[in-house]
Amino acid sequence: MFKITNRNKESFTGRFNGTDYEFPVNKPAMCDDEAAAHIFGIGQTDKTSVLARHGWAGVGKTYADGMLILDQFKFEHIQPQFDAPLAHEIAYGREDHGPAPVVEKPAAKGGADESPKAAGGDEPEWMKDGPVVHRPADQRPGGGRQARA
C-alpha cells in the first residue's frame, strides 16, 4: 500500500483496472501496490509509457519534462494496519458465540455403533491414519475397479 502526496499545482486522476484514483494537491491519498505501479511506474526503470499515458511526455514534451511532474509526487510505502480485535474475530469467530458446537453422530438402529471398530473388528489399514482425502485407485476397496454389468 502506498500513501501518495501530489505536490504539483493541479490535482491528478489516475485510472487502474476500471477504478479512478484521485490525488488532490498536498493531500495524501492511499493506493494499492498494483495501482501505484500502473499509474506511476513504481518499480519500472523506464517510465516512458507512464509519462506518455498521462500526457506528461510526448509530442512537444520531453521525458525530462514528464519526470519533473512525476518527481512532484511523494511516495511512502506503508504496511496496512489491521484492527487486532476484528482480525481475531474474523479468524476465530465472535467471542460471544463461543466455539462451534460438537455434533455427535446419531446412534445406529438398535443403539449400536456400526463402525468396524465398534463391532469388535479392526479398522481398514487406510483408515488408521485419520480422514482420507484421496486414495490412489489401487488402495481403494476392490482395487478401485468397478465391476461391469
N, C-alpha and C. Protein backbone atom coordinates (compact mmCIF):
# COMPACT_ATOMS: atom_id res chain seq x y z
N MET A 1 0.86 -1.17 0.00
CA MET A 1 0.00 0.00 0.00
C MET A 1 0.91 1.23 0.00
N PHE A 2 0.50 2.22 -0.77
CA PHE A 2 1.26 3.45 -0.84
C PHE A 2 0.42 4.63 -0.37
N LYS A 3 1.07 5.53 0.35
CA LYS A 3 0.47 6.83 0.67
C LYS A 3 1.17 7.80 -0.28
N ILE A 4 0.37 8.42 -1.14
CA ILE A 4 0.93 9.26 -2.21
C ILE A 4 0.44 10.69 -2.02
N THR A 5 1.37 11.62 -2.03
CA THR A 5 1.02 13.04 -1.91
C THR A 5 1.42 13.74 -3.20
N ASN A 6 0.47 14.41 -3.81
CA ASN A 6 0.66 15.16 -5.04
C ASN A 6 1.11 16.58 -4.67
N ARG A 7 2.36 16.93 -4.97
CA ARG A 7 2.88 18.26 -4.66
C ARG A 7 2.92 19.16 -5.90
N ASN A 8 2.19 18.76 -6.94
CA ASN A 8 2.07 19.60 -8.13
C ASN A 8 1.05 20.71 -7.87
N LYS A 9 0.86 21.59 -8.83
CA LYS A 9 -0.09 22.71 -8.67
C LYS A 9 -1.52 22.31 -9.01
N GLU A 10 -1.70 21.15 -9.65
CA GLU A 10 -3.04 20.70 -10.05
C GLU A 10 -3.29 19.29 -9.51
N SER A 11 -4.56 19.00 -9.23
CA SER A 11 -4.91 17.65 -8.80
C SER A 11 -4.74 16.71 -9.99
N PHE A 12 -4.67 15.44 -9.69
CA PHE A 12 -4.43 14.44 -10.73
C PHE A 12 -5.34 13.24 -10.49
N THR A 13 -5.87 12.69 -11.57
CA THR A 13 -6.68 11.47 -11.51
C THR A 13 -6.02 10.41 -12.38
N GLY A 14 -5.71 9.28 -11.76
CA GLY A 14 -5.16 8.14 -12.49
C GLY A 14 -6.21 7.04 -12.53
N ARG A 15 -6.06 6.11 -13.44
CA ARG A 15 -7.04 5.03 -13.57
C ARG A 15 -6.32 3.70 -13.66
N PHE A 16 -6.85 2.73 -12.93
CA PHE A 16 -6.30 1.38 -12.97
C PHE A 16 -7.43 0.38 -12.78
N ASN A 17 -7.52 -0.58 -13.67
CA ASN A 17 -8.47 -1.68 -13.57
C ASN A 17 -9.91 -1.18 -13.38
N GLY A 18 -10.26 -0.12 -14.09
CA GLY A 18 -11.61 0.41 -14.05
C GLY A 18 -11.92 1.30 -12.87
N THR A 19 -10.93 1.59 -12.03
CA THR A 19 -11.12 2.43 -10.86
C THR A 19 -10.33 3.72 -11.01
N ASP A 20 -10.99 4.86 -10.74
CA ASP A 20 -10.30 6.15 -10.75
C ASP A 20 -9.68 6.41 -9.39
N TYR A 21 -8.45 6.89 -9.39
CA TYR A 21 -7.74 7.25 -8.16
C TYR A 21 -7.49 8.75 -8.20
N GLU A 22 -7.99 9.45 -7.20
CA GLU A 22 -7.85 10.90 -7.11
C GLU A 22 -6.65 11.25 -6.24
N PHE A 23 -5.83 12.18 -6.73
CA PHE A 23 -4.67 12.65 -5.99
C PHE A 23 -4.76 14.18 -5.90
N PRO A 24 -5.46 14.70 -4.87
CA PRO A 24 -5.60 16.14 -4.73
C PRO A 24 -4.26 16.78 -4.33
N VAL A 25 -4.14 18.05 -4.56
CA VAL A 25 -2.90 18.78 -4.25
C VAL A 25 -2.65 18.79 -2.74
N ASN A 26 -1.45 18.38 -2.36
CA ASN A 26 -0.97 18.41 -0.97
C ASN A 26 -1.83 17.65 0.04
N LYS A 27 -2.57 16.65 -0.41
CA LYS A 27 -3.34 15.79 0.49
C LYS A 27 -2.97 14.35 0.20
N PRO A 28 -2.56 13.60 1.22
CA PRO A 28 -2.19 12.20 0.97
C PRO A 28 -3.40 11.37 0.53
N ALA A 29 -3.14 10.45 -0.38
CA ALA A 29 -4.16 9.52 -0.86
C ALA A 29 -3.57 8.12 -0.81
N MET A 30 -4.40 7.13 -0.54
CA MET A 30 -3.94 5.75 -0.45
C MET A 30 -4.14 5.05 -1.80
N CYS A 31 -3.22 4.17 -2.12
CA CYS A 31 -3.25 3.47 -3.40
C CYS A 31 -2.57 2.12 -3.21
N ASP A 32 -3.19 1.04 -3.69
CA ASP A 32 -2.56 -0.27 -3.54
C ASP A 32 -1.36 -0.40 -4.47
N ASP A 33 -0.53 -1.38 -4.21
CA ASP A 33 0.74 -1.54 -4.93
C ASP A 33 0.56 -1.69 -6.43
N GLU A 34 -0.41 -2.50 -6.86
CA GLU A 34 -0.61 -2.72 -8.29
C GLU A 34 -1.03 -1.45 -9.00
N ALA A 35 -1.94 -0.70 -8.39
CA ALA A 35 -2.41 0.55 -8.99
C ALA A 35 -1.27 1.55 -9.06
N ALA A 36 -0.48 1.66 -7.99
CA ALA A 36 0.65 2.60 -7.97
C ALA A 36 1.68 2.24 -9.04
N ALA A 37 1.92 0.94 -9.23
CA ALA A 37 2.86 0.52 -10.27
C ALA A 37 2.36 0.90 -11.65
N HIS A 38 1.06 0.74 -11.89
CA HIS A 38 0.49 1.08 -13.19
C HIS A 38 0.43 2.59 -13.42
N ILE A 39 -0.09 3.30 -12.44
CA ILE A 39 -0.31 4.74 -12.61
C ILE A 39 0.99 5.52 -12.63
N PHE A 40 1.93 5.17 -11.73
CA PHE A 40 3.15 5.96 -11.58
C PHE A 40 4.42 5.25 -12.02
N GLY A 41 4.33 4.01 -12.43
CA GLY A 41 5.52 3.29 -12.88
C GLY A 41 6.44 2.88 -11.75
N ILE A 42 5.91 2.73 -10.55
CA ILE A 42 6.75 2.31 -9.42
C ILE A 42 7.30 0.93 -9.72
N GLY A 43 8.62 0.79 -9.56
CA GLY A 43 9.29 -0.47 -9.84
C GLY A 43 9.81 -0.57 -11.27
N GLN A 44 9.47 0.39 -12.12
CA GLN A 44 9.94 0.39 -13.51
C GLN A 44 11.09 1.39 -13.65
N THR A 45 12.14 1.00 -14.34
CA THR A 45 13.24 1.93 -14.56
C THR A 45 12.93 2.90 -15.68
N ASP A 46 12.25 2.45 -16.72
CA ASP A 46 11.86 3.32 -17.83
C ASP A 46 10.40 3.72 -17.66
N LYS A 47 10.17 4.98 -17.44
CA LYS A 47 8.82 5.48 -17.18
C LYS A 47 8.17 6.10 -18.43
N THR A 48 8.73 5.86 -19.60
CA THR A 48 8.23 6.48 -20.83
C THR A 48 6.75 6.21 -21.04
N SER A 49 6.30 4.97 -20.89
CA SER A 49 4.89 4.65 -21.14
C SER A 49 3.98 5.34 -20.13
N VAL A 50 4.42 5.48 -18.90
CA VAL A 50 3.62 6.15 -17.87
C VAL A 50 3.49 7.63 -18.19
N LEU A 51 4.61 8.25 -18.52
CA LEU A 51 4.61 9.69 -18.83
C LEU A 51 3.76 9.98 -20.06
N ALA A 52 3.84 9.11 -21.06
CA ALA A 52 3.06 9.30 -22.29
C ALA A 52 1.57 9.10 -22.02
N ARG A 53 1.22 8.09 -21.21
CA ARG A 53 -0.19 7.81 -20.90
C ARG A 53 -0.87 9.01 -20.26
N HIS A 54 -0.15 9.73 -19.41
CA HIS A 54 -0.73 10.88 -18.71
C HIS A 54 -0.54 12.19 -19.47
N GLY A 55 0.14 12.14 -20.61
CA GLY A 55 0.37 13.36 -21.38
C GLY A 55 1.48 14.23 -20.81
N TRP A 56 2.28 13.66 -19.94
CA TRP A 56 3.37 14.43 -19.33
C TRP A 56 4.61 14.44 -20.20
N ALA A 57 4.67 13.54 -21.18
CA ALA A 57 5.77 13.49 -22.14
C ALA A 57 5.17 13.03 -23.46
N GLY A 58 5.80 13.39 -24.53
CA GLY A 58 5.29 13.01 -25.85
C GLY A 58 5.49 14.16 -26.82
N VAL A 59 4.48 14.43 -27.63
CA VAL A 59 4.57 15.47 -28.64
C VAL A 59 4.78 16.82 -27.96
N GLY A 60 5.90 17.45 -28.25
CA GLY A 60 6.21 18.77 -27.69
C GLY A 60 6.69 18.75 -26.25
N LYS A 61 6.73 17.57 -25.62
CA LYS A 61 7.19 17.47 -24.23
C LYS A 61 8.23 16.35 -24.16
N THR A 62 9.30 16.61 -23.46
CA THR A 62 10.37 15.61 -23.36
C THR A 62 10.17 14.71 -22.16
N TYR A 63 10.97 13.65 -22.13
CA TYR A 63 10.99 12.73 -20.99
C TYR A 63 11.32 13.51 -19.72
N ALA A 64 12.30 14.41 -19.81
CA ALA A 64 12.71 15.21 -18.65
C ALA A 64 11.55 16.09 -18.16
N ASP A 65 10.74 16.65 -19.10
CA ASP A 65 9.58 17.46 -18.71
C ASP A 65 8.60 16.60 -17.90
N GLY A 66 8.36 15.40 -18.36
CA GLY A 66 7.44 14.49 -17.68
C GLY A 66 7.96 14.09 -16.31
N MET A 67 9.26 13.86 -16.21
CA MET A 67 9.85 13.47 -14.93
C MET A 67 9.76 14.60 -13.91
N LEU A 68 9.77 15.85 -14.37
CA LEU A 68 9.60 16.98 -13.44
C LEU A 68 8.23 16.92 -12.76
N ILE A 69 7.22 16.51 -13.51
CA ILE A 69 5.87 16.37 -12.94
C ILE A 69 5.83 15.15 -12.01
N LEU A 70 6.33 14.02 -12.48
CA LEU A 70 6.30 12.79 -11.68
C LEU A 70 7.09 12.95 -10.38
N ASP A 71 8.18 13.69 -10.43
CA ASP A 71 9.01 13.89 -9.24
C ASP A 71 8.31 14.71 -8.16
N GLN A 72 7.21 15.34 -8.50
CA GLN A 72 6.46 16.13 -7.52
C GLN A 72 5.48 15.28 -6.70
N PHE A 73 5.43 13.99 -6.99
CA PHE A 73 4.63 13.08 -6.19
C PHE A 73 5.53 12.45 -5.14
N LYS A 74 5.06 12.42 -3.91
CA LYS A 74 5.82 11.80 -2.82
C LYS A 74 5.19 10.43 -2.56
N PHE A 75 6.01 9.39 -2.57
CA PHE A 75 5.54 8.02 -2.38
C PHE A 75 6.07 7.47 -1.06
N GLU A 76 5.16 6.97 -0.26
CA GLU A 76 5.55 6.35 1.00
C GLU A 76 4.91 4.97 1.06
N HIS A 77 5.75 3.94 1.00
CA HIS A 77 5.25 2.57 1.06
C HIS A 77 4.96 2.24 2.52
N ILE A 78 3.74 1.85 2.81
CA ILE A 78 3.35 1.57 4.19
C ILE A 78 2.75 0.17 4.29
N GLN A 79 2.83 -0.38 5.47
CA GLN A 79 2.20 -1.66 5.75
C GLN A 79 0.79 -1.39 6.24
N PRO A 80 -0.20 -2.10 5.72
CA PRO A 80 -1.56 -1.87 6.21
C PRO A 80 -1.67 -2.21 7.69
N GLN A 81 -2.42 -1.42 8.41
CA GLN A 81 -2.64 -1.65 9.84
C GLN A 81 -3.97 -2.38 10.00
N PHE A 82 -3.96 -3.43 10.78
CA PHE A 82 -5.17 -4.20 10.98
C PHE A 82 -5.72 -3.94 12.37
N ASP A 83 -7.00 -3.95 12.47
CA ASP A 83 -7.67 -3.84 13.74
C ASP A 83 -7.57 -5.22 14.40
N ALA A 84 -6.72 -5.34 15.43
CA ALA A 84 -6.45 -6.64 16.04
C ALA A 84 -7.70 -7.35 16.51
N PRO A 85 -8.63 -6.69 17.23
CA PRO A 85 -9.83 -7.43 17.63
C PRO A 85 -10.65 -7.92 16.44
N LEU A 86 -10.75 -7.11 15.39
CA LEU A 86 -11.51 -7.53 14.22
C LEU A 86 -10.81 -8.70 13.54
N ALA A 87 -9.49 -8.64 13.42
CA ALA A 87 -8.74 -9.74 12.80
C ALA A 87 -8.94 -11.03 13.60
N HIS A 88 -8.93 -10.92 14.92
CA HIS A 88 -9.16 -12.09 15.76
C HIS A 88 -10.57 -12.64 15.54
N GLU A 89 -11.55 -11.75 15.44
CA GLU A 89 -12.93 -12.17 15.23
C GLU A 89 -13.08 -12.88 13.89
N ILE A 90 -12.43 -12.35 12.85
CA ILE A 90 -12.50 -12.98 11.53
C ILE A 90 -11.87 -14.37 11.57
N ALA A 91 -10.72 -14.47 12.26
CA ALA A 91 -10.01 -15.74 12.30
C ALA A 91 -10.67 -16.79 13.19
N TYR A 92 -11.21 -16.35 14.33
CA TYR A 92 -11.68 -17.32 15.32
C TYR A 92 -13.16 -17.24 15.64
N GLY A 93 -13.86 -16.29 15.05
CA GLY A 93 -15.29 -16.15 15.34
C GLY A 93 -15.51 -15.18 16.49
N ARG A 94 -16.73 -14.77 16.64
CA ARG A 94 -17.05 -13.83 17.70
C ARG A 94 -16.99 -14.52 19.05
N GLU A 95 -16.43 -13.82 20.01
CA GLU A 95 -16.27 -14.39 21.34
C GLU A 95 -17.61 -14.67 22.01
N ASP A 96 -18.62 -13.86 21.76
CA ASP A 96 -19.89 -14.05 22.45
C ASP A 96 -20.66 -15.26 21.93
N HIS A 97 -20.21 -15.85 20.83
CA HIS A 97 -20.87 -17.04 20.31
C HIS A 97 -20.22 -18.31 20.83
N GLY A 98 -19.01 -18.21 21.33
CA GLY A 98 -18.31 -19.38 21.83
C GLY A 98 -17.85 -20.28 20.70
N PRO A 99 -17.24 -21.39 21.05
CA PRO A 99 -16.76 -22.30 20.00
C PRO A 99 -17.93 -22.99 19.29
N ALA A 100 -17.63 -23.51 18.14
CA ALA A 100 -18.64 -24.23 17.38
C ALA A 100 -19.07 -25.45 18.18
N PRO A 101 -20.36 -25.79 18.16
CA PRO A 101 -20.83 -26.95 18.93
C PRO A 101 -20.33 -28.25 18.33
N VAL A 102 -20.15 -29.23 19.19
CA VAL A 102 -19.76 -30.56 18.73
C VAL A 102 -21.04 -31.30 18.35
N VAL A 103 -21.07 -31.83 17.17
CA VAL A 103 -22.25 -32.56 16.70
C VAL A 103 -21.92 -34.04 16.78
N GLU A 104 -22.69 -34.73 17.58
CA GLU A 104 -22.44 -36.16 17.73
C GLU A 104 -23.23 -36.94 16.69
N LYS A 105 -22.63 -38.01 16.24
CA LYS A 105 -23.27 -38.87 15.26
C LYS A 105 -24.42 -39.61 15.95
N PRO A 106 -25.61 -39.59 15.36
CA PRO A 106 -26.71 -40.32 15.99
C PRO A 106 -26.42 -41.82 15.99
N ALA A 107 -26.88 -42.48 17.02
CA ALA A 107 -26.67 -43.92 17.14
C ALA A 107 -27.42 -44.64 16.03
N ALA A 108 -26.83 -45.74 15.58
CA ALA A 108 -27.47 -46.55 14.54
C ALA A 108 -28.68 -47.27 15.13
N LYS A 109 -29.44 -47.91 14.27
CA LYS A 109 -30.63 -48.64 14.72
C LYS A 109 -30.27 -49.60 15.84
N GLY A 110 -31.06 -49.63 16.84
CA GLY A 110 -30.81 -50.52 17.96
C GLY A 110 -29.82 -49.92 18.94
N GLY A 111 -29.31 -48.71 18.67
CA GLY A 111 -28.42 -48.03 19.59
C GLY A 111 -26.98 -48.43 19.48
N ALA A 112 -26.63 -49.31 18.59
CA ALA A 112 -25.24 -49.75 18.47
C ALA A 112 -24.54 -48.98 17.36
N ASP A 113 -23.28 -48.70 17.59
CA ASP A 113 -22.45 -48.05 16.57
C ASP A 113 -22.04 -49.12 15.58
N GLU A 114 -22.24 -48.91 14.29
CA GLU A 114 -21.98 -49.94 13.30
C GLU A 114 -20.60 -49.86 12.67
N SER A 115 -19.70 -49.04 13.23
CA SER A 115 -18.37 -48.95 12.66
C SER A 115 -17.63 -50.26 12.88
N PRO A 116 -16.66 -50.61 12.02
CA PRO A 116 -15.93 -51.87 12.20
C PRO A 116 -15.26 -51.95 13.56
N LYS A 117 -14.75 -50.82 14.06
CA LYS A 117 -14.06 -50.81 15.34
C LYS A 117 -15.04 -51.13 16.47
N ALA A 118 -16.23 -50.52 16.43
CA ALA A 118 -17.23 -50.75 17.47
C ALA A 118 -17.77 -52.17 17.40
N ALA A 119 -17.77 -52.78 16.24
CA ALA A 119 -18.29 -54.15 16.08
C ALA A 119 -17.26 -55.18 16.50
N GLY A 120 -16.13 -54.73 17.03
CA GLY A 120 -15.11 -55.66 17.50
C GLY A 120 -14.07 -55.98 16.44
N GLY A 121 -14.23 -55.43 15.25
CA GLY A 121 -13.27 -55.68 14.18
C GLY A 121 -12.22 -54.58 14.13
N ASP A 122 -11.27 -54.78 13.27
CA ASP A 122 -10.24 -53.76 13.08
C ASP A 122 -10.67 -52.81 11.98
N GLU A 123 -10.17 -51.58 12.11
CA GLU A 123 -10.42 -50.60 11.05
C GLU A 123 -9.56 -51.00 9.85
N PRO A 124 -10.04 -50.72 8.65
CA PRO A 124 -9.18 -50.97 7.48
C PRO A 124 -7.88 -50.17 7.64
N GLU A 125 -6.81 -50.66 7.06
CA GLU A 125 -5.50 -50.04 7.18
C GLU A 125 -5.51 -48.57 6.77
N TRP A 126 -6.24 -48.26 5.70
CA TRP A 126 -6.23 -46.89 5.19
C TRP A 126 -6.97 -45.92 6.10
N MET A 127 -7.76 -46.40 7.08
CA MET A 127 -8.48 -45.52 7.99
C MET A 127 -7.69 -45.21 9.26
N LYS A 128 -6.62 -45.91 9.51
CA LYS A 128 -5.89 -45.77 10.76
C LYS A 128 -5.17 -44.43 10.90
N ASP A 129 -4.84 -43.79 9.80
CA ASP A 129 -4.14 -42.51 9.86
C ASP A 129 -5.07 -41.31 9.90
N GLY A 130 -6.34 -41.50 10.07
CA GLY A 130 -7.28 -40.39 10.14
C GLY A 130 -8.05 -40.24 8.85
N PRO A 131 -8.70 -39.10 8.68
CA PRO A 131 -9.53 -38.91 7.49
C PRO A 131 -8.71 -39.00 6.20
N VAL A 132 -9.31 -39.56 5.21
CA VAL A 132 -8.64 -39.72 3.93
C VAL A 132 -9.26 -38.74 2.94
N VAL A 133 -8.42 -37.95 2.31
CA VAL A 133 -8.91 -37.03 1.31
C VAL A 133 -8.86 -37.68 -0.06
N HIS A 134 -7.79 -38.38 -0.32
CA HIS A 134 -7.63 -39.02 -1.63
C HIS A 134 -6.81 -40.29 -1.45
N ARG A 135 -7.26 -41.35 -2.10
CA ARG A 135 -6.51 -42.61 -2.11
C ARG A 135 -6.30 -43.02 -3.55
N PRO A 136 -5.11 -43.47 -3.89
CA PRO A 136 -4.91 -43.99 -5.25
C PRO A 136 -5.85 -45.15 -5.52
N ALA A 137 -6.19 -45.35 -6.77
CA ALA A 137 -7.17 -46.37 -7.15
C ALA A 137 -6.79 -47.75 -6.65
N ASP A 138 -5.50 -48.09 -6.64
CA ASP A 138 -5.10 -49.43 -6.23
C ASP A 138 -5.20 -49.65 -4.72
N GLN A 139 -5.44 -48.58 -3.94
CA GLN A 139 -5.58 -48.71 -2.50
C GLN A 139 -7.04 -48.64 -2.05
N ARG A 140 -7.96 -48.48 -2.98
CA ARG A 140 -9.38 -48.43 -2.64
C ARG A 140 -9.92 -49.84 -2.49
N PRO A 141 -10.97 -50.00 -1.67
CA PRO A 141 -11.57 -51.34 -1.58
C PRO A 141 -11.95 -51.85 -2.97
N GLY A 142 -11.60 -53.08 -3.27
CA GLY A 142 -11.91 -53.65 -4.58
C GLY A 142 -10.90 -53.23 -5.64
N GLY A 143 -9.80 -52.60 -5.23
CA GLY A 143 -8.77 -52.20 -6.17
C GLY A 143 -9.13 -51.02 -7.03
N GLY A 144 -10.25 -50.36 -6.70
CA GLY A 144 -10.64 -49.17 -7.43
C GLY A 144 -11.33 -49.47 -8.74
N ARG A 145 -11.55 -50.74 -9.03
CA ARG A 145 -12.21 -51.07 -10.29
C ARG A 145 -13.66 -51.40 -10.04
N GLN A 146 -14.48 -50.93 -10.90
CA GLN A 146 -15.91 -51.19 -10.80
C GLN A 146 -16.23 -52.41 -11.66
N ALA A 147 -17.06 -53.28 -11.14
CA ALA A 147 -17.49 -54.44 -11.93
C ALA A 147 -18.48 -53.95 -13.00
N ARG A 148 -18.31 -54.42 -14.20
CA ARG A 148 -19.21 -54.02 -15.28
C ARG A 148 -20.35 -55.01 -15.39
N ALA A 149 -21.52 -54.48 -15.62
CA ALA A 149 -22.70 -55.34 -15.73
C ALA A 149 -22.84 -55.89 -17.12
